[in-house]
C-alpha atoms as a PDB file:
ATOM      1  CA  UNK A   1       9.171   9.978 -15.985  1.00  0.00           C
ATOM      2  CA  UNK A   2      10.577   9.658 -12.484  1.00  0.00           C
ATOM      3  CA  UNK A   3      10.172   6.319 -10.711  1.00  0.00           C
ATOM      4  CA  UNK A   4       7.810   6.217  -7.735  1.00  0.00           C
ATOM      5  CA  UNK A   5       9.396   7.724  -4.665  1.00  0.00           C
ATOM      6  CA  UNK A   6       6.493   8.327  -2.281  1.00  0.00           C
ATOM      7  CA  UNK A   7       4.717   5.339  -0.779  1.00  0.00           C
ATOM      8  CA  UNK A   8       1.893   5.198   1.747  1.00  0.00           C
ATOM      9  CA  UNK A   9       1.420   2.233   4.100  1.00  0.00           C
ATOM     10  CA  UNK A  10      -1.909   1.777   5.877  1.00  0.00           C
ATOM     11  CA  UNK A  11      -1.514  -0.994   8.458  1.00  0.00           C
ATOM     12  CA  UNK A  12      -2.632  -1.203  12.090  1.00  0.00           C
ATOM     13  CA  UNK A  13       0.111  -3.647  13.113  1.00  0.00           C
ATOM     14  CA  UNK A  14       3.037  -1.727  14.640  1.00  0.00           C
ATOM     15  CA  UNK A  15       5.467  -4.634  14.100  1.00  0.00           C
ATOM     16  CA  UNK A  16       4.560  -4.738  10.392  1.00  0.00           C
ATOM     17  CA  UNK A  17       4.956  -0.963  10.184  1.00  0.00           C
ATOM     18  CA  UNK A  18       8.457  -1.218  11.644  1.00  0.00           C
ATOM     19  CA  UNK A  19       9.383  -4.076   9.298  1.00  0.00           C
ATOM     20  CA  UNK A  20       8.203  -2.063   6.296  1.00  0.00           C
ATOM     21  CA  UNK A  21      10.044   1.029   7.487  1.00  0.00           C
ATOM     22  CA  UNK A  22      13.275  -0.916   7.911  1.00  0.00           C
ATOM     23  CA  UNK A  23      12.859  -2.622   4.530  1.00  0.00           C
ATOM     24  CA  UNK A  24      12.301   0.699   2.742  1.00  0.00           C
ATOM     25  CA  UNK A  25      15.285   2.274   4.530  1.00  0.00           C
ATOM     26  CA  UNK A  26      17.526  -0.567   3.341  1.00  0.00           C
ATOM     27  CA  UNK A  27      16.178  -0.955  -0.180  1.00  0.00           C
ATOM     28  CA  UNK A  28      15.119   2.544  -1.179  1.00  0.00           C
ATOM     29  CA  UNK A  29      16.678   5.203   1.044  1.00  0.00           C
ATOM     30  CA  UNK A  30      15.619   7.910  -1.421  1.00  0.00           C
ATOM     31  CA  UNK A  31      11.978   6.856  -1.061  1.00  0.00           C
ATOM     32  CA  UNK A  32       9.488   8.307   1.394  1.00  0.00           C
ATOM     33  CA  UNK A  33       7.264   5.894   3.306  1.00  0.00           C
ATOM     34  CA  UNK A  34       4.365   7.555   5.087  1.00  0.00           C
ATOM     35  CA  UNK A  35       2.561   5.330   7.588  1.00  0.00           C
ATOM     36  CA  UNK A  36      -0.968   5.440   8.968  1.00  0.00           C
ATOM     37  CA  UNK A  37      -2.373   2.972  11.506  1.00  0.00           C
ATOM     38  CA  UNK A  38      -5.919   3.129  10.188  1.00  0.00           C
ATOM     39  CA  UNK A  39      -8.013   3.827   7.147  1.00  0.00           C
ATOM     40  CA  UNK A  40      -9.887   6.874   8.409  1.00  0.00           C
ATOM     41  CA  UNK A  41      -6.810   8.986   9.270  1.00  0.00           C
ATOM     42  CA  UNK A  42      -5.171   7.972   5.988  1.00  0.00           C
ATOM     43  CA  UNK A  43      -8.260   8.957   3.989  1.00  0.00           C
ATOM     44  CA  UNK A  44      -8.528  12.270   5.837  1.00  0.00           C
ATOM     45  CA  UNK A  45      -4.908  13.013   4.974  1.00  0.00           C
ATOM     46  CA  UNK A  46      -5.366  11.944   1.337  1.00  0.00           C
ATOM     47  CA  UNK A  47      -8.439  14.181   0.996  1.00  0.00           C
ATOM     48  CA  UNK A  48      -6.594  17.159   2.447  1.00  0.00           C
ATOM     49  CA  UNK A  49      -3.204  16.979   0.715  1.00  0.00           C
ATOM     50  CA  UNK A  50      -2.430  17.944  -2.875  1.00  0.00           C
ATOM     51  CA  UNK A  51       0.613  15.631  -2.875  1.00  0.00           C
ATOM     52  CA  UNK A  52      -0.602  12.071  -3.269  1.00  0.00           C
ATOM     53  CA  UNK A  53       1.592   9.003  -2.886  1.00  0.00           C
ATOM     54  CA  UNK A  54       2.755   7.144  -5.979  1.00  0.00           C
ATOM     55  CA  UNK A  55       1.554   3.802  -4.574  1.00  0.00           C
ATOM     56  CA  UNK A  56      -0.505   2.799  -1.523  1.00  0.00           C
ATOM     57  CA  UNK A  57       0.217  -0.405   0.423  1.00  0.00           C
ATOM     58  CA  UNK A  58      -2.990  -1.383   2.224  1.00  0.00           C
ATOM     59  CA  UNK A  59      -3.564  -4.030   4.884  1.00  0.00           C
ATOM     60  CA  UNK A  60      -6.824  -5.979   4.666  1.00  0.00           C
ATOM     61  CA  UNK A  61      -7.539  -6.824   8.311  1.00  0.00           C
ATOM     62  CA  UNK A  62      -7.814  -3.644  10.362  1.00  0.00           C
ATOM     63  CA  UNK A  63     -10.269  -2.589  13.068  1.00  0.00           C
ATOM     64  CA  UNK A  64     -12.809   0.186  12.566  1.00  0.00           C
ATOM     65  CA  UNK A  65     -12.398   0.336   8.774  1.00  0.00           C
ATOM     66  CA  UNK A  66     -10.975  -2.683   6.959  1.00  0.00           C
ATOM     67  CA  UNK A  67      -8.792  -2.497   3.865  1.00  0.00           C
ATOM     68  CA  UNK A  68     -11.660  -3.281   1.496  1.00  0.00           C
ATOM     69  CA  UNK A  69     -13.672  -0.361   2.862  1.00  0.00           C
ATOM     70  CA  UNK A  70     -10.651   1.921   2.463  1.00  0.00           C
ATOM     71  CA  UNK A  71     -10.149   0.649  -1.092  1.00  0.00           C
ATOM     72  CA  UNK A  72     -13.814   1.322  -1.945  1.00  0.00           C
ATOM     73  CA  UNK A  73     -13.515   4.860  -0.625  1.00  0.00           C
ATOM     74  CA  UNK A  74     -10.327   5.481  -2.598  1.00  0.00           C
ATOM     75  CA  UNK A  75     -11.839   4.227  -5.850  1.00  0.00           C
ATOM     76  CA  UNK A  76     -15.018   6.266  -5.298  1.00  0.00           C
ATOM     77  CA  UNK A  77     -13.087   9.536  -5.229  1.00  0.00           C
ATOM     78  CA  UNK A  78     -11.991  10.824  -8.670  1.00  0.00           C
ATOM     79  CA  UNK A  79      -8.926  12.557  -7.129  1.00  0.00           C
ATOM     80  CA  UNK A  80      -7.737   9.312  -5.529  1.00  0.00           C
ATOM     81  CA  UNK A  81      -9.079   6.602  -7.831  1.00  0.00           C
ATOM     82  CA  UNK A  82      -6.012   6.379 -10.063  1.00  0.00           C
ATOM     83  CA  UNK A  83      -3.488   5.901  -7.262  1.00  0.00           C
ATOM     84  CA  UNK A  84      -2.316   2.279  -7.474  1.00  0.00           C
ATOM     85  CA  UNK A  85      -3.289   0.279  -4.389  1.00  0.00           C
ATOM     86  CA  UNK A  86      -1.422  -2.883  -3.464  1.00  0.00           C
ATOM     87  CA  UNK A  87      -3.130  -4.998  -0.847  1.00  0.00           C
ATOM     88  CA  UNK A  88      -0.558  -6.338   1.644  1.00  0.00           C
ATOM     89  CA  UNK A  89      -2.043  -8.898   4.002  1.00  0.00           C
ATOM     90  CA  UNK A  90      -1.402 -12.042   6.001  1.00  0.00           C
ATOM     91  CA  UNK A  91      -4.582 -13.442   4.416  1.00  0.00           C
ATOM     92  CA  UNK A  92      -4.206 -15.434   1.239  1.00  0.00           C
ATOM     93  CA  UNK A  93      -7.865 -16.499   1.286  1.00  0.00           C
ATOM     94  CA  UNK A  94      -9.298 -16.736  -2.222  1.00  0.00           C
ATOM     95  CA  UNK A  95     -12.308 -14.647  -1.149  1.00  0.00           C
ATOM     96  CA  UNK A  96     -10.068 -11.817   0.059  1.00  0.00           C
ATOM     97  CA  UNK A  97      -8.012 -11.858  -3.142  1.00  0.00           C
ATOM     98  CA  UNK A  98     -11.153 -11.895  -5.311  1.00  0.00           C
ATOM     99  CA  UNK A  99     -12.715  -9.054  -3.316  1.00  0.00           C
ATOM    100  CA  UNK A 100      -9.558  -6.952  -3.660  1.00  0.00           C
ATOM    101  CA  UNK A 101      -9.482  -7.327  -7.434  1.00  0.00           C
ATOM    102  CA  UNK A 102     -13.237  -6.801  -7.739  1.00  0.00           C
ATOM    103  CA  UNK A 103     -12.715  -3.472  -5.943  1.00  0.00           C
ATOM    104  CA  UNK A 104      -9.908  -2.586  -8.387  1.00  0.00           C
ATOM    105  CA  UNK A 105      -6.793  -3.221  -6.316  1.00  0.00           C
ATOM    106  CA  UNK A 106      -3.699  -3.056  -8.515  1.00  0.00           C
ATOM    107  CA  UNK A 107      -2.098  -6.067  -6.866  1.00  0.00           C
ATOM    108  CA  UNK A 108      -2.389  -8.407  -3.877  1.00  0.00           C
ATOM    109  CA  UNK A 109       0.603  -9.559  -1.847  1.00  0.00           C
ATOM    110  CA  UNK A 110       0.501 -12.049   1.010  1.00  0.00           C
ATOM    111  CA  UNK A 111       2.972 -10.841   3.649  1.00  0.00           C
ATOM    112  CA  UNK A 112       6.032 -13.056   3.686  1.00  0.00           C
ATOM    113  CA  UNK A 113       6.951 -14.635   7.047  1.00  0.00           C
ATOM    114  CA  UNK A 114      10.226 -13.444   8.540  1.00  0.00           C
ATOM    115  CA  UNK A 115      12.246 -10.334   7.812  1.00  0.00           C
ATOM    116  CA  UNK A 116      14.515 -11.784   5.102  1.00  0.00           C
ATOM    117  CA  UNK A 117      11.567 -13.081   3.080  1.00  0.00           C
ATOM    118  CA  UNK A 118       9.688  -9.804   3.644  1.00  0.00           C
ATOM    119  CA  UNK A 119      12.767  -7.838   2.531  1.00  0.00           C
ATOM    120  CA  UNK A 120      12.888  -9.864  -0.689  1.00  0.00           C
ATOM    121  CA  UNK A 121       9.164  -9.288  -1.205  1.00  0.00           C
ATOM    122  CA  UNK A 122       9.513  -5.516  -0.761  1.00  0.00           C
ATOM    123  CA  UNK A 123      12.547  -5.510  -3.071  1.00  0.00           C
ATOM    124  CA  UNK A 124      10.478  -7.239  -5.769  1.00  0.00           C
ATOM    125  CA  UNK A 125       7.586  -4.821  -5.140  1.00  0.00           C
ATOM    126  CA  UNK A 126       9.861  -1.777  -5.454  1.00  0.00           C
ATOM    127  CA  UNK A 127      11.545  -3.115  -8.584  1.00  0.00           C
ATOM    128  CA  UNK A 128       8.177  -3.732 -10.217  1.00  0.00           C
ATOM    129  CA  UNK A 129       6.708  -0.317  -9.387  1.00  0.00           C
ATOM    130  CA  UNK A 130       9.860   1.608 -10.171  1.00  0.00           C
ATOM    131  CA  UNK A 131      10.257  -0.052 -13.579  1.00  0.00           C
ATOM    132  CA  UNK A 132       6.683  -0.298 -14.794  1.00  0.00           C
ATOM    133  CA  UNK A 133       4.463   2.263 -13.130  1.00  0.00           C
ATOM    134  CA  UNK A 134       2.929   4.911 -15.353  1.00  0.00           C
ATOM    135  CA  UNK A 135       2.522   8.383 -13.924  1.00  0.00           C
ATOM    136  CA  UNK A 136      -0.955   9.149 -12.626  1.00  0.00           C
ATOM    137  CA  UNK A 137      -2.171  12.679 -13.002  1.00  0.00           C
END
C-alpha cells in the first residue's frame, strides 16, 4: 500500500492556506495539496472527480457553509464517506470537538500558533497518516 500522497485543504483563510502550502512543500514535496476556499466548491469538485484525496483537512469556521455542514455532506455520500476528514481549526471548544466526532470526523486538530509550531503539527499529521492510514476504496 502506498502512503497518502494527495491531500485536500478546505479553508477560507488565505494566510492559513499559504502556511499549509509552505508546510507541505517543506515536509512532503512528493505530496499534492489541493486547496479550496469554501465547502461548496470543494464538494462540487469531489462529486465530479474520480480521483479523491487520501485525506481531507477541513476548517470549522467558514462563511456560507461551515466545516460541520461540509462534513455532514461528505459522510452522506457513499462515494465520499470513507475519505478520512481531519478537522483543522482555531477553535478548541469542547462543543466543536464533540460535534466533529459525532459527525464522524477522523481527527480534530487545533491549529498551532506560529509557523514553527504549525510546521511541527503538520509533520506529526503527515507521519501519522503516512504510517497508519488504510487504503479506502
